[in-house]
Amino acid sequence: MSFIKKIDLWLIGICLARAGTGLVLITYAAALPVVQREWGMSAAEGGSISSGNQFAYAISLVIFSSLADVWGAKRVFLGSMTASGFAAMAFAFFARDYSSALILYALVGFALGGSYTTGLMLLTERYDTAKRGMAMGYFIASTSAGYALSLLMTGLVLPIGGYKLSFFLTSLGTPIGAALAWLTLWRTQNTVVQRDTQQGLTRSLLRNKPALLLIAGYSFHSWELLGMWTWTPAFLAACFAFGGVGDLRAAGMGSYITSFFHFTGMLASFSMGSLSTVGAGHCASGHFRNQQRLFSSFRLDVRLAAHHYGGPRDVVCLFLPGRLSGTFCGPV
């Protein structure tokens, strides 16, 4: 009974909700080798669908984060989760060519953007500094778990029912996640933090050099990572197809292998969250977390260099921006 009392059902609910949304965010990349052929798309068109999703997601992060200052993180989080449930099912049922997929997948990205930063805000409101790092590690790891599960499901389903069944099953995770979010946050108080309206966010941000460098570093990190996420399943599928494996089975095998990349991401989030919690008690200055950021960025550089399938010039193009910006970010 004492063990059950120690289980944080609130955190479990938030993480399961986030994992559910992660299913749809990677489903297109997993099915890209199949839909590119069936929809007659070029590589540029295939990549633009994923780019549209990411651009919409980035724009919505700014919009919904600003709305959270006015309406509260809980309201924006639940509204985003609910909207993303409808958008994901629309994508599953109606994305049947390049144009429809471009529009609907961008809509999915825009709707889901309100569930990330607001989720972190909810964790900040609920947990003190000693436990916050671990909670955020679980929250971020749950997204990687959703990505990995999506790839595993797609690898199993593609050879059986093609991309239509794959889109449907993975998109179901989003409305299920929205329902879990409502159940988890039903009794959670919505908090609206009053801020000084005389102080403009843009002006204060432009004067904050460490914040600008951290944003630049994270932007380059996303540039190198998201490109790899989009095309790794297609690249591996092409390798298997070149070896004589059938197209659908090759796409499934590519998804299986890529899922392990996201499992390592999940373990990394767990470990960094744990280390952050351990260091919080005796590194109040934030130096411990700065060391974590630099170590993580270096580890990403090594992983990219090991997995990247281009030549030395491509590795340098991906390696230097993220590495240099990460080096100059600290201390933040």
C-alpha atoms as a PDB file:
ATOM      1  CA  MET A   1       0.000   0.000   0.000  1.00  0.00           C
ATOM      2  CA  SER A   2       2.873   2.375   0.781  1.00  0.00           C
ATOM      3  CA  PHE A   3       4.321   1.659  -2.662  1.00  0.00           C
ATOM      4  CA  ILE A   4       1.050   2.644  -4.351  1.00  0.00           C
ATOM      5  CA  LYS A   5       0.992   5.919  -2.409  1.00  0.00           C
ATOM      6  CA  LYS A   6       4.435   6.767  -3.778  1.00  0.00           C
ATOM      7  CA  ILE A   7       3.259   6.461  -7.392  1.00  0.00           C
ATOM      8  CA  ASP A   8       2.708   9.879  -8.939  1.00  0.00           C
ATOM      9  CA  LEU A   9      -0.469   9.256 -10.927  1.00  0.00           C
ATOM     10  CA  TRP A  10      -0.602  12.893 -12.034  1.00  0.00           C
ATOM     11  CA  LEU A  11       2.834  12.685 -13.672  1.00  0.00           C
ATOM     12  CA  ILE A  12       2.027   9.297 -15.200  1.00  0.00           C
ATOM     13  CA  GLY A  13      -1.159  10.707 -16.716  1.00  0.00           C
ATOM     14  CA  ILE A  14       0.612  13.724 -18.228  1.00  0.00           C
ATOM     15  CA  CYS A  15       3.380  11.536 -19.648  1.00  0.00           C
ATOM     16  CA  LEU A  16       0.957   9.011 -21.157  1.00  0.00           C
ATOM     17  CA  ALA A  17      -0.989  11.870 -22.733  1.00  0.00           C
ATOM     18  CA  ARG A  18       2.212  13.257 -24.236  1.00  0.00           C
ATOM     19  CA  ALA A  19       3.261   9.817 -25.481  1.00  0.00           C
ATOM     20  CA  GLY A  20      -0.084   9.501 -27.245  1.00  0.00           C
ATOM     21  CA  THR A  21       0.521  12.708 -29.172  1.00  0.00           C
ATOM     22  CA  GLY A  22       4.003  11.499 -30.100  1.00  0.00           C
ATOM     23  CA  LEU A  23       2.466   8.705 -32.172  1.00  0.00           C
ATOM     24  CA  VAL A  24       1.182  11.060 -34.865  1.00  0.00           C
ATOM     25  CA  LEU A  25       4.232  13.352 -34.921  1.00  0.00           C
ATOM     26  CA  ILE A  26       6.484  10.681 -36.446  1.00  0.00           C
ATOM     27  CA  THR A  27       3.963   8.593 -38.391  1.00  0.00           C
ATOM     28  CA  TYR A  28       4.520  10.438 -41.680  1.00  0.00           C
ATOM     29  CA  ALA A  29       8.298   9.938 -41.548  1.00  0.00           C
ATOM     30  CA  ALA A  30       7.760   6.232 -40.915  1.00  0.00           C
ATOM     31  CA  ALA A  31       5.460   5.881 -43.924  1.00  0.00           C
ATOM     32  CA  LEU A  32       7.378   8.254 -46.216  1.00  0.00           C
ATOM     33  CA  PRO A  33       8.978   5.490 -48.339  1.00  0.00           C
ATOM     34  CA  VAL A  34       5.502   4.189 -49.176  1.00  0.00           C
ATOM     35  CA  VAL A  35       3.546   7.426 -49.662  1.00  0.00           C
ATOM     36  CA  GLN A  36       6.315   8.988 -51.749  1.00  0.00           C
ATOM     37  CA  ARG A  37       5.857   6.212 -54.290  1.00  0.00           C
ATOM     38  CA  GLU A  38       2.064   5.924 -54.108  1.00  0.00           C
ATOM     39  CA  TRP A  39       1.481   9.693 -54.289  1.00  0.00           C
ATOM     40  CA  GLY A  40       4.124  10.190 -56.979  1.00  0.00           C
ATOM     41  CA  MET A  41       6.084  12.761 -54.959  1.00  0.00           C
ATOM     42  CA  SER A  42       9.604  13.986 -55.480  1.00  0.00           C
ATOM     43  CA  ALA A  43      12.033  14.010 -52.576  1.00  0.00           C
ATOM     44  CA  ALA A  44      11.515  17.769 -52.206  1.00  0.00           C
ATOM     45  CA  GLU A  45       7.733  17.353 -52.025  1.00  0.00           C
ATOM     46  CA  GLY A  46       8.060  14.508 -49.540  1.00  0.00           C
ATOM     47  CA  GLY A  47      10.304  16.580 -47.309  1.00  0.00           C
ATOM     48  CA  SER A  48       8.108  19.663 -47.582  1.00  0.00           C
ATOM     49  CA  ILE A  49       5.212  17.881 -45.850  1.00  0.00           C
ATOM     50  CA  SER A  50       7.380  17.223 -42.819  1.00  0.00           C
ATOM     51  CA  SER A  51       8.766  20.769 -43.036  1.00  0.00           C
ATOM     52  CA  GLY A  52       5.240  22.199 -43.083  1.00  0.00           C
ATOM     53  CA  ASN A  53       4.435  20.262 -39.937  1.00  0.00           C
ATOM     54  CA  GLN A  54       7.552  21.553 -38.182  1.00  0.00           C
ATOM     55  CA  PHE A  55       7.074  25.162 -39.289  1.00  0.00           C
ATOM     56  CA  ALA A  56       3.474  25.118 -38.049  1.00  0.00           C
ATOM     57  CA  TYR A  57       4.616  23.508 -34.798  1.00  0.00           C
ATOM     58  CA  ALA A  58       7.275  26.196 -34.276  1.00  0.00           C
ATOM     59  CA  ILE A  59       4.825  29.034 -34.937  1.00  0.00           C
ATOM     60  CA  SER A  60       2.256  27.547 -32.587  1.00  0.00           C
ATOM     61  CA  LEU A  61       4.838  27.239 -29.803  1.00  0.00           C
ATOM     62  CA  VAL A  62       5.215  31.008 -29.784  1.00  0.00           C
ATOM     63  CA  ILE A  63       1.485  31.695 -30.067  1.00  0.00           C
ATOM     64  CA  PHE A  64       0.290  29.209 -27.463  1.00  0.00           C
ATOM     65  CA  SER A  65       3.069  30.085 -25.013  1.00  0.00           C
ATOM     66  CA  SER A  66       1.948  33.716 -25.183  1.00  0.00           C
ATOM     67  CA  LEU A  67      -1.683  32.681 -24.706  1.00  0.00           C
ATOM     68  CA  ALA A  68      -0.693  30.691 -21.625  1.00  0.00           C
ATOM     69  CA  ASP A  69       0.423  33.939 -19.996  1.00  0.00           C
ATOM     70  CA  VAL A  70      -3.107  35.248 -20.455  1.00  0.00           C
ATOM     71  CA  TRP A  71      -5.314  32.173 -20.081  1.00  0.00           C
ATOM     72  CA  GLY A  72      -3.172  29.872 -17.967  1.00  0.00           C
ATOM     73  CA  ALA A  73      -1.126  26.817 -18.919  1.00  0.00           C
ATOM     74  CA  LYS A  74      -3.835  24.279 -18.068  1.00  0.00           C
ATOM     75  CA  ARG A  75      -6.473  25.781 -20.366  1.00  0.00           C
ATOM     76  CA  VAL A  76      -4.090  26.135 -23.294  1.00  0.00           C
ATOM     77  CA  PHE A  77      -2.674  22.638 -22.773  1.00  0.00           C
ATOM     78  CA  LEU A  78      -6.118  21.006 -22.756  1.00  0.00           C
ATOM     79  CA  GLY A  79      -7.315  23.115 -25.674  1.00  0.00           C
ATOM     80  CA  SER A  80      -4.258  22.140 -27.707  1.00  0.00           C
ATOM     81  CA  MET A  81      -4.664  18.449 -26.880  1.00  0.00           C
ATOM     82  CA  THR A  82      -8.332  18.496 -27.849  1.00  0.00           C
ATOM     83  CA  ALA A  83      -7.716  20.328 -31.128  1.00  0.00           C
ATOM     84  CA  SER A  84      -4.850  18.009 -32.003  1.00  0.00           C
ATOM     85  CA  GLY A  85      -7.117  14.988 -31.505  1.00  0.00           C
ATOM     86  CA  PHE A  86      -9.496  16.266 -34.191  1.00  0.00           C
ATOM     87  CA  ALA A  87      -6.619  17.324 -36.473  1.00  0.00           C
ATOM     88  CA  ALA A  88      -4.910  13.940 -36.197  1.00  0.00           C
ATOM     89  CA  MET A  89      -8.040  12.024 -37.138  1.00  0.00           C
ATOM     90  CA  ALA A  90      -8.645  14.411 -40.059  1.00  0.00           C
ATOM     91  CA  PHE A  91      -5.125  13.641 -41.245  1.00  0.00           C
ATOM     92  CA  ALA A  92      -5.701   9.902 -40.904  1.00  0.00           C
ATOM     93  CA  PHE A  93      -8.942   9.913 -42.904  1.00  0.00           C
ATOM     94  CA  PHE A  94      -8.335  12.593 -45.542  1.00  0.00           C
ATOM     95  CA  ALA A  95      -4.566  12.739 -46.270  1.00  0.00           C
ATOM     96  CA  ARG A  96      -4.554  10.922 -49.615  1.00  0.00           C
ATOM     97  CA  ASP A  97      -2.214  13.019 -51.779  1.00  0.00           C
ATOM     98  CA  TYR A  98       0.485  15.662 -51.550  1.00  0.00           C
ATOM     99  CA  SER A  99      -1.769  18.703 -51.193  1.00  0.00           C
ATOM    100  CA  SER A 100      -4.115  17.242 -48.594  1.00  0.00           C
ATOM    101  CA  ALA A 101      -1.234  15.807 -46.554  1.00  0.00           C
ATOM    102  CA  LEU A 102       0.666  19.117 -46.644  1.00  0.00           C
ATOM    103  CA  ILE A 103      -2.320  21.049 -45.267  1.00  0.00           C
ATOM    104  CA  LEU A 104      -3.564  18.498 -42.741  1.00  0.00           C
ATOM    105  CA  TYR A 105      -0.152  17.571 -41.347  1.00  0.00           C
ATOM    106  CA  ALA A 106       0.656  21.253 -40.887  1.00  0.00           C
ATOM    107  CA  LEU A 107      -2.647  21.573 -39.013  1.00  0.00           C
ATOM    108  CA  VAL A 108      -1.609  18.676 -36.772  1.00  0.00           C
ATOM    109  CA  GLY A 109       1.683  20.410 -35.999  1.00  0.00           C
ATOM    110  CA  PHE A 110      -0.011  23.723 -35.239  1.00  0.00           C
ATOM    111  CA  ALA A 111      -2.558  22.113 -32.901  1.00  0.00           C
ATOM    112  CA  LEU A 112       0.066  20.099 -31.020  1.00  0.00           C
ATOM    113  CA  GLY A 113       2.388  23.059 -30.457  1.00  0.00           C
ATOM    114  CA  GLY A 114       0.346  24.156 -27.476  1.00  0.00           C
ATOM    115  CA  SER A 115       0.973  20.938 -25.567  1.00  0.00           C
ATOM    116  CA  TYR A 116       4.755  21.139 -25.178  1.00  0.00           C
ATOM    117  CA  THR A 117       5.761  24.386 -23.465  1.00  0.00           C
ATOM    118  CA  THR A 118       2.483  24.525 -21.551  1.00  0.00           C
ATOM    119  CA  GLY A 119       3.124  20.988 -20.325  1.00  0.00           C
ATOM    120  CA  LEU A 120       6.504  22.141 -19.008  1.00  0.00           C
ATOM    121  CA  MET A 121       4.766  25.105 -17.366  1.00  0.00           C
ATOM    122  CA  LEU A 122       2.390  22.732 -15.595  1.00  0.00           C
ATOM    123  CA  LEU A 123       5.335  20.721 -14.305  1.00  0.00           C
ATOM    124  CA  THR A 124       7.044  23.896 -13.097  1.00  0.00           C
ATOM    125  CA  GLU A 125       3.921  24.922 -11.211  1.00  0.00           C
ATOM    126  CA  ARG A 126       3.521  21.521  -9.549  1.00  0.00           C
ATOM    127  CA  TYR A 127       7.073  20.478  -8.616  1.00  0.00           C
ATOM    128  CA  ASP A 128       9.771  22.260  -6.648  1.00  0.00           C
ATOM    129  CA  THR A 129      13.357  22.526  -7.872  1.00  0.00           C
ATOM    130  CA  ALA A 130      14.468  19.289  -6.233  1.00  0.00           C
ATOM    131  CA  LYS A 131      11.967  17.201  -8.230  1.00  0.00           C
ATOM    132  CA  ARG A 132      11.428  19.323 -11.327  1.00  0.00           C
ATOM    133  CA  GLY A 133      14.346  17.963 -13.356  1.00  0.00           C
ATOM    134  CA  MET A 134      13.194  14.388 -12.967  1.00  0.00           C
ATOM    135  CA  ALA A 135       9.601  15.270 -13.836  1.00  0.00           C
ATOM    136  CA  MET A 136      10.660  17.124 -16.988  1.00  0.00           C
ATOM    137  CA  GLY A 137      12.925  14.234 -17.930  1.00  0.00           C
ATOM    138  CA  TYR A 138       9.958  11.865 -17.747  1.00  0.00           C
ATOM    139  CA  PHE A 139       7.792  14.271 -19.747  1.00  0.00           C
ATOM    140  CA  ILE A 140      10.316  14.649 -22.557  1.00  0.00           C
ATOM    141  CA  ALA A 141      11.129  10.942 -22.509  1.00  0.00           C
ATOM    142  CA  SER A 142       7.445  10.126 -22.953  1.00  0.00           C
ATOM    143  CA  THR A 143       7.544  11.936 -26.312  1.00  0.00           C
ATOM    144  CA  SER A 144      10.441   9.759 -27.443  1.00  0.00           C
ATOM    145  CA  ALA A 145       8.503   6.732 -26.248  1.00  0.00           C
ATOM    146  CA  GLY A 146       5.584   7.818 -28.435  1.00  0.00           C
ATOM    147  CA  TYR A 147       7.908   8.221 -31.431  1.00  0.00           C
ATOM    148  CA  ALA A 148       9.414   4.776 -30.906  1.00  0.00           C
ATOM    149  CA  LEU A 149       6.006   3.142 -30.448  1.00  0.00           C
ATOM    150  CA  SER A 150       4.731   4.854 -33.594  1.00  0.00           C
ATOM    151  CA  LEU A 151       7.646   3.477 -35.608  1.00  0.00           C
ATOM    152  CA  LEU A 152       7.155  -0.009 -34.196  1.00  0.00           C
ATOM    153  CA  MET A 153       3.435   0.076 -34.985  1.00  0.00           C
ATOM    154  CA  THR A 154       4.101   1.383 -38.485  1.00  0.00           C
ATOM    155  CA  GLY A 155       6.705  -1.298 -39.100  1.00  0.00           C
ATOM    156  CA  LEU A 156       4.145  -3.940 -38.169  1.00  0.00           C
ATOM    157  CA  VAL A 157       1.157  -2.444 -39.971  1.00  0.00           C
ATOM    158  CA  LEU A 158       2.656  -1.171 -43.251  1.00  0.00           C
ATOM    159  CA  PRO A 159       3.163  -4.612 -44.792  1.00  0.00           C
ATOM    160  CA  ILE A 160      -0.388  -5.580 -43.751  1.00  0.00           C
ATOM    161  CA  GLY A 161      -2.599  -2.574 -44.458  1.00  0.00           C
ATOM    162  CA  GLY A 162      -0.392   0.054 -46.054  1.00  0.00           C
ATOM    163  CA  TYR A 163      -0.114   3.694 -45.045  1.00  0.00           C
ATOM    164  CA  LYS A 164      -3.888   4.199 -44.551  1.00  0.00           C
ATOM    165  CA  LEU A 165      -4.105   1.704 -41.703  1.00  0.00           C
ATOM    166  CA  SER A 166      -0.811   2.985 -40.308  1.00  0.00           C
ATOM    167  CA  PHE A 167      -2.059   6.592 -40.263  1.00  0.00           C
ATOM    168  CA  PHE A 168      -5.323   5.568 -38.611  1.00  0.00           C
ATOM    169  CA  LEU A 169      -3.816   3.499 -35.790  1.00  0.00           C
ATOM    170  CA  THR A 170      -1.065   5.965 -34.921  1.00  0.00           C
ATOM    171  CA  SER A 171      -3.420   8.965 -35.096  1.00  0.00           C
ATOM    172  CA  LEU A 172      -5.694   7.285 -32.545  1.00  0.00           C
ATOM    173  CA  GLY A 173      -3.060   7.975 -29.913  1.00  0.00           C
ATOM    174  CA  THR A 174      -3.770  11.707 -30.036  1.00  0.00           C
ATOM    175  CA  PRO A 175      -7.476  11.698 -29.020  1.00  0.00           C
ATOM    176  CA  ILE A 176      -6.677   9.016 -26.446  1.00  0.00           C
ATOM    177  CA  GLY A 177      -3.917  11.240 -25.091  1.00  0.00           C
ATOM    178  CA  ALA A 178      -6.320  14.193 -25.000  1.00  0.00           C
ATOM    179  CA  ALA A 179      -8.806  12.151 -22.947  1.00  0.00           C
ATOM    180  CA  LEU A 180      -6.039  11.170 -20.514  1.00  0.00           C
ATOM    181  CA  ALA A 181      -4.998  14.810 -20.205  1.00  0.00           C
ATOM    182  CA  TRP A 182      -8.545  15.869 -19.276  1.00  0.00           C
ATOM    183  CA  LEU A 183      -8.795  13.095 -16.667  1.00  0.00           C
ATOM    184  CA  THR A 184      -5.405  13.958 -15.180  1.00  0.00           C
ATOM    185  CA  LEU A 185      -5.897  17.727 -14.998  1.00  0.00           C
ATOM    186  CA  TRP A 186      -9.570  17.746 -14.029  1.00  0.00           C
ATOM    187  CA  ARG A 187      -8.817  18.815 -10.434  1.00  0.00           C
ATOM    188  CA  THR A 188      -5.649  20.777 -11.211  1.00  0.00           C
ATOM    189  CA  GLN A 189      -5.944  24.497 -10.630  1.00  0.00           C
ATOM    190  CA  ASN A 190      -5.444  26.796 -13.603  1.00  0.00           C
ATOM    191  CA  THR A 191      -2.839  29.417 -12.711  1.00  0.00           C
ATOM    192  CA  VAL A 192      -2.428  32.735 -14.512  1.00  0.00           C
ATOM    193  CA  VAL A 193       0.833  34.440 -13.564  1.00  0.00           C
ATOM    194  CA  GLN A 194       0.666  38.205 -13.517  1.00  0.00           C
ATOM    195  CA  ARG A 195       3.575  39.815 -15.332  1.00  0.00           C
ATOM    196  CA  ASP A 196       4.741  43.378 -15.735  1.00  0.00           C
ATOM    197  CA  THR A 197       3.027  44.779 -18.814  1.00  0.00           C
ATOM    198  CA  GLN A 198       5.538  47.657 -18.924  1.00  0.00           C
ATOM    199  CA  GLN A 199       8.373  45.258 -19.714  1.00  0.00           C
ATOM    200  CA  GLY A 200       8.275  44.057 -23.324  1.00  0.00           C
ATOM    201  CA  LEU A 201       9.317  40.467 -23.923  1.00  0.00           C
ATOM    202  CA  THR A 202      11.094  41.189 -27.208  1.00  0.00           C
ATOM    203  CA  ARG A 203      13.206  44.005 -25.775  1.00  0.00           C
ATOM    204  CA  SER A 204      14.248  42.053 -22.691  1.00  0.00           C
ATOM    205  CA  LEU A 205      15.054  38.994 -24.816  1.00  0.00           C
ATOM    206  CA  LEU A 206      17.248  40.933 -27.235  1.00  0.00           C
ATOM    207  CA  ARG A 207      19.247  42.242 -24.276  1.00  0.00           C
ATOM    208  CA  ASN A 208      19.777  38.767 -22.841  1.00  0.00           C
ATOM    209  CA  LYS A 209      22.850  37.390 -24.623  1.00  0.00           C
ATOM    210  CA  PRO A 210      22.894  33.968 -22.879  1.00  0.00           C
ATOM    211  CA  ALA A 211      19.231  33.417 -23.809  1.00  0.00           C
ATOM    212  CA  LEU A 212      19.876  34.360 -27.445  1.00  0.00           C
ATOM    213  CA  LEU A 213      22.838  31.980 -27.653  1.00  0.00           C
ATOM    214  CA  LEU A 214      20.818  29.176 -26.088  1.00  0.00           C
ATOM    215  CA  ILE A 215      18.005  29.747 -28.601  1.00  0.00           C
ATOM    216  CA  ALA A 216      20.528  29.685 -31.453  1.00  0.00           C
ATOM    217  CA  GLY A 217      22.062  26.477 -30.166  1.00  0.00           C
ATOM    218  CA  TYR A 218      18.687  24.796 -29.814  1.00  0.00           C
ATOM    219  CA  SER A 219      17.707  25.942 -33.319  1.00  0.00           C
ATOM    220  CA  PHE A 220      20.786  24.321 -34.860  1.00  0.00           C
ATOM    221  CA  HIS A 221      20.190  21.238 -32.749  1.00  0.00           C
ATOM    222  CA  SER A 222      16.663  20.973 -34.160  1.00  0.00           C
ATOM    223  CA  TRP A 223      17.909  21.602 -37.697  1.00  0.00           C
ATOM    224  CA  GLU A 224      20.287  18.641 -37.618  1.00  0.00           C
ATOM    225  CA  LEU A 225      18.058  16.310 -35.607  1.00  0.00           C
ATOM    226  CA  LEU A 226      14.699  16.781 -37.317  1.00  0.00           C
ATOM    227  CA  GLY A 227      16.211  16.295 -40.757  1.00  0.00           C
ATOM    228  CA  MET A 228      17.637  12.979 -39.648  1.00  0.00           C
ATOM    229  CA  TRP A 229      14.329  11.922 -38.084  1.00  0.00           C
ATOM    230  CA  THR A 230      12.446  12.617 -41.313  1.00  0.00           C
ATOM    231  CA  TRP A 231      14.689  10.742 -43.701  1.00  0.00           C
ATOM    232  CA  THR A 232      16.258   7.921 -41.658  1.00  0.00           C
ATOM    233  CA  PRO A 233      13.308   5.501 -42.123  1.00  0.00           C
ATOM    234  CA  ALA A 234      13.278   6.191 -45.879  1.00  0.00           C
ATOM    235  CA  PHE A 235      17.043   5.763 -46.133  1.00  0.00           C
ATOM    236  CA  LEU A 236      17.002   2.436 -44.297  1.00  0.00           C
ATOM    237  CA  ALA A 237      14.029   1.252 -46.367  1.00  0.00           C
ATOM    238  CA  ALA A 238      15.955   2.068 -49.550  1.00  0.00           C
ATOM    239  CA  CYS A 239      18.916   0.058 -48.244  1.00  0.00           C
ATOM    240  CA  PHE A 240      16.718  -2.975 -47.591  1.00  0.00           C
ATOM    241  CA  ALA A 241      14.963  -2.611 -50.944  1.00  0.00           C
ATOM    242  CA  PHE A 242      18.333  -2.452 -52.695  1.00  0.00           C
ATOM    243  CA  GLY A 243      19.175  -5.731 -50.989  1.00  0.00           C
ATOM    244  CA  GLY A 244      16.134  -7.411 -52.524  1.00  0.00           C
ATOM    245  CA  VAL A 245      13.505  -6.936 -49.824  1.00  0.00           C
ATOM    246  CA  GLY A 246       9.975  -5.996 -50.982  1.00  0.00           C
ATOM    247  CA  ASP A 247       9.000  -2.323 -50.748  1.00  0.00           C
ATOM    248  CA  LEU A 248       6.400  -2.621 -47.956  1.00  0.00           C
ATOM    249  CA  ARG A 249       8.526  -5.007 -45.921  1.00  0.00           C
ATOM    250  CA  ALA A 250      11.578  -2.783 -46.436  1.00  0.00           C
ATOM    251  CA  ALA A 251       9.643   0.235 -45.141  1.00  0.00           C
ATOM    252  CA  GLY A 252       8.543  -1.761 -42.101  1.00  0.00           C
ATOM    253  CA  MET A 253      12.094  -2.873 -41.340  1.00  0.00           C
ATOM    254  CA  GLY A 254      13.317   0.704 -41.681  1.00  0.00           C
ATOM    255  CA  SER A 255      10.738   1.805 -39.128  1.00  0.00           C
ATOM    256  CA  TYR A 256      11.727  -0.961 -36.725  1.00  0.00           C
ATOM    257  CA  ILE A 257      15.380   0.030 -36.715  1.00  0.00           C
ATOM    258  CA  THR A 258      14.694   3.772 -36.499  1.00  0.00           C
ATOM    259  CA  SER A 259      12.532   3.179 -33.427  1.00  0.00           C
ATOM    260  CA  PHE A 260      15.654   2.217 -31.486  1.00  0.00           C
ATOM    261  CA  PHE A 261      17.065   5.715 -32.109  1.00  0.00           C
ATOM    262  CA  HIS A 262      14.102   7.128 -30.216  1.00  0.00           C
ATOM    263  CA  PHE A 263      14.439   4.557 -27.448  1.00  0.00           C
ATOM    264  CA  THR A 264      17.966   5.880 -26.888  1.00  0.00           C
ATOM    265  CA  GLY A 265      16.494   9.391 -26.829  1.00  0.00           C
ATOM    266  CA  MET A 266      14.048   8.258 -24.164  1.00  0.00           C
ATOM    267  CA  LEU A 267      16.875   6.832 -22.049  1.00  0.00           C
ATOM    268  CA  ALA A 268      18.851  10.051 -22.512  1.00  0.00           C
ATOM    269  CA  SER A 269      15.927  12.131 -21.243  1.00  0.00           C
ATOM    270  CA  PHE A 270      15.554   9.876 -18.213  1.00  0.00           C
ATOM    271  CA  SER A 271      19.278  10.056 -17.413  1.00  0.00           C
ATOM    272  CA  MET A 272      19.567  13.834 -17.887  1.00  0.00           C
ATOM    273  CA  GLY A 273      16.469  14.391 -15.751  1.00  0.00           C
ATOM    274  CA  SER A 274      17.905  12.191 -13.020  1.00  0.00           C
ATOM    275  CA  LEU A 275      21.276  13.936 -13.094  1.00  0.00           C
ATOM    276  CA  SER A 276      19.557  17.319 -13.008  1.00  0.00           C
ATOM    277  CA  THR A 277      17.652  16.297  -9.892  1.00  0.00           C
ATOM    278  CA  VAL A 278      20.789  14.932  -8.220  1.00  0.00           C
ATOM    279  CA  GLY A 279      22.742  18.110  -8.948  1.00  0.00           C
ATOM    280  CA  ALA A 280      19.956  20.529  -8.020  1.00  0.00           C
ATOM    281  CA  GLY A 281      20.679  20.385  -4.293  1.00  0.00           C
ATOM    282  CA  HIS A 282      24.324  21.478  -4.486  1.00  0.00           C
ATOM    283  CA  CYS A 283      24.603  23.327  -7.821  1.00  0.00           C
ATOM    284  CA  ALA A 284      22.128  26.150  -7.382  1.00  0.00           C
ATOM    285  CA  SER A 285      24.092  28.379  -9.749  1.00  0.00           C
ATOM    286  CA  GLY A 286      23.032  26.224 -12.702  1.00  0.00           C
ATOM    287  CA  HIS A 287      26.610  25.244 -13.604  1.00  0.00           C
ATOM    288  CA  PHE A 288      25.711  21.555 -13.282  1.00  0.00           C
ATOM    289  CA  ARG A 289      22.892  21.924 -15.821  1.00  0.00           C
ATOM    290  CA  ASN A 290      25.233  23.812 -18.165  1.00  0.00           C
ATOM    291  CA  GLN A 291      27.627  20.851 -18.092  1.00  0.00           C
ATOM    292  CA  GLN A 292      24.685  18.580 -18.932  1.00  0.00           C
ATOM    293  CA  ARG A 293      23.802  20.692 -21.972  1.00  0.00           C
ATOM    294  CA  LEU A 294      27.359  20.641 -23.296  1.00  0.00           C
ATOM    295  CA  PHE A 295      27.718  16.905 -22.689  1.00  0.00           C
ATOM    296  CA  SER A 296      24.407  16.215 -24.419  1.00  0.00           C
ATOM    297  CA  SER A 297      25.286  18.336 -27.443  1.00  0.00           C
ATOM    298  CA  PHE A 298      28.649  16.575 -27.753  1.00  0.00           C
ATOM    299  CA  ARG A 299      26.935  13.198 -27.517  1.00  0.00           C
ATOM    300  CA  LEU A 300      24.522  14.221 -30.275  1.00  0.00           C
ATOM    301  CA  ASP A 301      27.446  15.242 -32.497  1.00  0.00           C
ATOM    302  CA  VAL A 302      29.065  11.834 -32.043  1.00  0.00           C
ATOM    303  CA  ARG A 303      25.776  10.033 -32.736  1.00  0.00           C
ATOM    304  CA  LEU A 304      25.155  12.068 -35.895  1.00  0.00           C
ATOM    305  CA  ALA A 305      28.676  11.444 -37.155  1.00  0.00           C
ATOM    306  CA  ALA A 306      28.227   7.720 -36.531  1.00  0.00           C
ATOM    307  CA  HIS A 307      24.807   7.388 -38.153  1.00  0.00           C
ATOM    308  CA  HIS A 308      24.978   9.961 -40.917  1.00  0.00           C
ATOM    309  CA  TYR A 309      25.111   8.325 -44.322  1.00  0.00           C
ATOM    310  CA  GLY A 310      26.665  11.132 -46.336  1.00  0.00           C
ATOM    311  CA  GLY A 311      30.256  12.089 -46.949  1.00  0.00           C
ATOM    312  CA  PRO A 312      32.668  14.050 -44.743  1.00  0.00           C
ATOM    313  CA  ARG A 313      31.389  17.375 -46.086  1.00  0.00           C
ATOM    314  CA  ASP A 314      27.831  16.524 -44.950  1.00  0.00           C
ATOM    315  CA  VAL A 315      29.031  15.533 -41.491  1.00  0.00           C
ATOM    316  CA  VAL A 316      30.886  18.842 -41.125  1.00  0.00           C
ATOM    317  CA  CYS A 317      27.812  20.813 -42.257  1.00  0.00           C
ATOM    318  CA  LEU A 318      25.714  19.148 -39.576  1.00  0.00           C
ATOM    319  CA  PHE A 319      28.424  19.006 -36.912  1.00  0.00           C
ATOM    320  CA  LEU A 320      29.854  22.521 -36.723  1.00  0.00           C
ATOM    321  CA  PRO A 321      26.769  24.782 -36.246  1.00  0.00           C
ATOM    322  CA  GLY A 322      25.299  22.756 -33.383  1.00  0.00           C
ATOM    323  CA  ARG A 323      28.686  22.117 -31.784  1.00  0.00           C
ATOM    324  CA  LEU A 324      29.921  25.704 -31.922  1.00  0.00           C
ATOM    325  CA  SER A 325      26.664  27.252 -30.742  1.00  0.00           C
ATOM    326  CA  GLY A 326      26.530  24.715 -27.918  1.00  0.00           C
ATOM    327  CA  THR A 327      30.053  25.634 -26.885  1.00  0.00           C
ATOM    328  CA  PHE A 328      29.304  29.363 -26.716  1.00  0.00           C
ATOM    329  CA  CYS A 329      25.972  28.996 -24.928  1.00  0.00           C
ATOM    330  CA  GLY A 330      27.226  28.555 -21.384  1.00  0.00           C
ATOM    331  CA  PRO A 331      26.971  29.535 -18.758  1.00  0.00           C
ATOM    332  CA  VAL A 332      23.226  30.126 -19.072  1.00  0.00           C
END
